[in-house]
Amino acid sequence: MYSKQDFEIDGYVGILSLGLGDSMASIFGKLFGRRKWFLTKKTAEGSWLVVAMQWTTLGSAFWKYVMVVVLTGIYEGISEQNDNIMVPLIFWAGTQAIRR
């Protein structure tokens, strides 16, 4: 059964994961990042900022989607692929899986 909150999250998956998460992670990681993920140039601090930005945006719904948010944050950090495509897809697939 879909709730109104679920429909709202579906519409904002790309904005949450790329507009807030990925872009802020890049800026924050370049300015304050010290610990690099293994085999990448990305920083752990930037990846955790992805989680923090999505957490503050989702508000009370965060606890329902906590695993999806954490997994997309980690994927964003360790991926060498084009994360602008994969991160929103993983986020969307995770939200769909939770509801089923």
C-alpha atoms as a PDB file:
ATOM      1  CA  MET A   1       0.000   0.000   0.000  1.00  0.00           C
ATOM      2  CA  TYR A   2       1.435   3.360  -0.981  1.00  0.00           C
ATOM      3  CA  SER A   3       1.312   6.311   1.341  1.00  0.00           C
ATOM      4  CA  LYS A   4       1.447   9.965   0.332  1.00  0.00           C
ATOM      5  CA  GLN A   5       4.950  10.162   1.796  1.00  0.00           C
ATOM      6  CA  ASP A   6       6.121   7.313  -0.470  1.00  0.00           C
ATOM      7  CA  PHE A   7       4.897   9.110  -3.592  1.00  0.00           C
ATOM      8  CA  GLU A   8       6.668  12.273  -2.538  1.00  0.00           C
ATOM      9  CA  ILE A   9       9.973  10.460  -2.070  1.00  0.00           C
ATOM     10  CA  ASP A  10       9.687   8.830  -5.507  1.00  0.00           C
ATOM     11  CA  GLY A  11       9.505  12.268  -7.102  1.00  0.00           C
ATOM     12  CA  TYR A  12      12.598  13.545  -5.342  1.00  0.00           C
ATOM     13  CA  VAL A  13      14.996  10.608  -5.588  1.00  0.00           C
ATOM     14  CA  GLY A  14      17.187  12.320  -8.189  1.00  0.00           C
ATOM     15  CA  ILE A  15      17.238  15.623  -6.344  1.00  0.00           C
ATOM     16  CA  LEU A  16      18.075  13.958  -3.037  1.00  0.00           C
ATOM     17  CA  SER A  17      20.826  11.754  -4.374  1.00  0.00           C
ATOM     18  CA  LEU A  18      22.453  14.065  -6.914  1.00  0.00           C
ATOM     19  CA  GLY A  19      21.373  17.629  -6.265  1.00  0.00           C
ATOM     20  CA  LEU A  20      21.966  17.517  -2.544  1.00  0.00           C
ATOM     21  CA  GLY A  21      24.011  14.423  -1.859  1.00  0.00           C
ATOM     22  CA  ASP A  22      26.520  14.042  -4.670  1.00  0.00           C
ATOM     23  CA  SER A  23      27.195  17.717  -5.329  1.00  0.00           C
ATOM     24  CA  MET A  24      27.653  18.562  -1.651  1.00  0.00           C
ATOM     25  CA  ALA A  25      29.836  15.472  -1.150  1.00  0.00           C
ATOM     26  CA  SER A  26      32.164  16.655  -3.886  1.00  0.00           C
ATOM     27  CA  ILE A  27      32.514  20.136  -2.439  1.00  0.00           C
ATOM     28  CA  PHE A  28      32.829  18.964   1.165  1.00  0.00           C
ATOM     29  CA  GLY A  29      35.230  16.142   0.277  1.00  0.00           C
ATOM     30  CA  LYS A  30      37.557  18.487  -1.600  1.00  0.00           C
ATOM     31  CA  LEU A  31      37.579  21.035   1.200  1.00  0.00           C
ATOM     32  CA  PHE A  32      37.610  18.834   4.306  1.00  0.00           C
ATOM     33  CA  GLY A  33      38.192  15.242   3.187  1.00  0.00           C
ATOM     34  CA  ARG A  34      41.189  13.497   4.685  1.00  0.00           C
ATOM     35  CA  ARG A  35      40.417   9.763   4.471  1.00  0.00           C
ATOM     36  CA  LYS A  36      40.204   8.318   0.968  1.00  0.00           C
ATOM     37  CA  TRP A  37      38.093   5.301   0.118  1.00  0.00           C
ATOM     38  CA  PHE A  38      40.243   2.373  -1.001  1.00  0.00           C
ATOM     39  CA  LEU A  39      41.092   2.435  -4.705  1.00  0.00           C
ATOM     40  CA  THR A  40      39.325   5.770  -5.364  1.00  0.00           C
ATOM     41  CA  LYS A  41      40.015   9.483  -5.062  1.00  0.00           C
ATOM     42  CA  LYS A  42      36.772  10.073  -3.168  1.00  0.00           C
ATOM     43  CA  THR A  43      36.754  10.766   0.564  1.00  0.00           C
ATOM     44  CA  ALA A  44      34.850   9.079   3.359  1.00  0.00           C
ATOM     45  CA  GLU A  45      33.872  12.501   4.713  1.00  0.00           C
ATOM     46  CA  GLY A  46      32.202  13.386   1.427  1.00  0.00           C
ATOM     47  CA  SER A  47      30.314  10.098   1.388  1.00  0.00           C
ATOM     48  CA  TRP A  48      29.047  10.592   4.900  1.00  0.00           C
ATOM     49  CA  LEU A  49      27.864  14.038   3.928  1.00  0.00           C
ATOM     50  CA  VAL A  50      25.679  12.335   1.286  1.00  0.00           C
ATOM     51  CA  VAL A  51      24.009  10.421   4.115  1.00  0.00           C
ATOM     52  CA  ALA A  52      23.685  13.554   6.274  1.00  0.00           C
ATOM     53  CA  MET A  53      22.135  15.643   3.488  1.00  0.00           C
ATOM     54  CA  GLN A  54      19.600  12.936   2.657  1.00  0.00           C
ATOM     55  CA  TRP A  55      18.873  12.431   6.362  1.00  0.00           C
ATOM     56  CA  THR A  56      18.061  16.084   6.936  1.00  0.00           C
ATOM     57  CA  THR A  57      15.932  16.224   3.798  1.00  0.00           C
ATOM     58  CA  LEU A  58      13.933  13.067   4.482  1.00  0.00           C
ATOM     59  CA  GLY A  59      13.178  14.068   8.074  1.00  0.00           C
ATOM     60  CA  SER A  60      11.009  11.540   9.888  1.00  0.00           C
ATOM     61  CA  ALA A  61      10.912   9.257   6.825  1.00  0.00           C
ATOM     62  CA  PHE A  62      14.685   8.779   7.155  1.00  0.00           C
ATOM     63  CA  TRP A  63      14.343   5.874   9.592  1.00  0.00           C
ATOM     64  CA  LYS A  64      12.234   3.973   7.087  1.00  0.00           C
ATOM     65  CA  TYR A  65      14.884   4.410   4.399  1.00  0.00           C
ATOM     66  CA  VAL A  66      18.035   4.425   6.543  1.00  0.00           C
ATOM     67  CA  MET A  67      19.629   1.385   4.869  1.00  0.00           C
ATOM     68  CA  VAL A  68      18.962   2.748   1.373  1.00  0.00           C
ATOM     69  CA  VAL A  69      20.499   6.103   2.265  1.00  0.00           C
ATOM     70  CA  VAL A  70      23.589   4.526   3.860  1.00  0.00           C
ATOM     71  CA  LEU A  71      24.093   2.121   0.943  1.00  0.00           C
ATOM     72  CA  THR A  72      23.821   4.897  -1.646  1.00  0.00           C
ATOM     73  CA  GLY A  73      26.298   6.968   0.365  1.00  0.00           C
ATOM     74  CA  ILE A  74      28.799   4.115   0.468  1.00  0.00           C
ATOM     75  CA  TYR A  75      28.270   3.307  -3.213  1.00  0.00           C
ATOM     76  CA  GLU A  76      28.855   6.955  -4.101  1.00  0.00           C
ATOM     77  CA  GLY A  77      32.177   6.801  -2.278  1.00  0.00           C
ATOM     78  CA  ILE A  78      33.591   3.555  -3.602  1.00  0.00           C
ATOM     79  CA  SER A  79      32.269   3.649  -7.170  1.00  0.00           C
ATOM     80  CA  GLU A  80      34.482   4.475 -10.101  1.00  0.00           C
ATOM     81  CA  GLN A  81      31.492   4.258 -12.454  1.00  0.00           C
ATOM     82  CA  ASN A  82      29.367   7.223 -13.437  1.00  0.00           C
ATOM     83  CA  ASP A  83      27.650   7.655 -10.079  1.00  0.00           C
ATOM     84  CA  ASN A  84      25.348  10.321 -11.531  1.00  0.00           C
ATOM     85  CA  ILE A  85      23.437   7.487 -13.165  1.00  0.00           C
ATOM     86  CA  MET A  86      23.825   4.679 -10.665  1.00  0.00           C
ATOM     87  CA  VAL A  87      23.241   6.477  -7.356  1.00  0.00           C
ATOM     88  CA  PRO A  88      19.699   7.648  -8.197  1.00  0.00           C
ATOM     89  CA  LEU A  89      18.887   4.211  -9.629  1.00  0.00           C
ATOM     90  CA  ILE A  90      20.111   2.455  -6.495  1.00  0.00           C
ATOM     91  CA  PHE A  91      18.243   4.946  -4.299  1.00  0.00           C
ATOM     92  CA  TRP A  92      15.027   4.469  -6.290  1.00  0.00           C
ATOM     93  CA  ALA A  93      15.355   0.658  -6.381  1.00  0.00           C
ATOM     94  CA  GLY A  94      15.917   0.622  -2.633  1.00  0.00           C
ATOM     95  CA  THR A  95      12.833   2.725  -1.915  1.00  0.00           C
ATOM     96  CA  GLN A  96      10.790   0.415  -4.163  1.00  0.00           C
ATOM     97  CA  ALA A  97      12.121  -2.702  -2.433  1.00  0.00           C
ATOM     98  CA  ILE A  98      11.227  -1.369   1.008  1.00  0.00           C
ATOM     99  CA  ARG A  99       7.629  -0.863  -0.007  1.00  0.00           C
ATOM    100  CA  ARG A 100       7.152  -4.356  -1.419  1.00  0.00           C
END
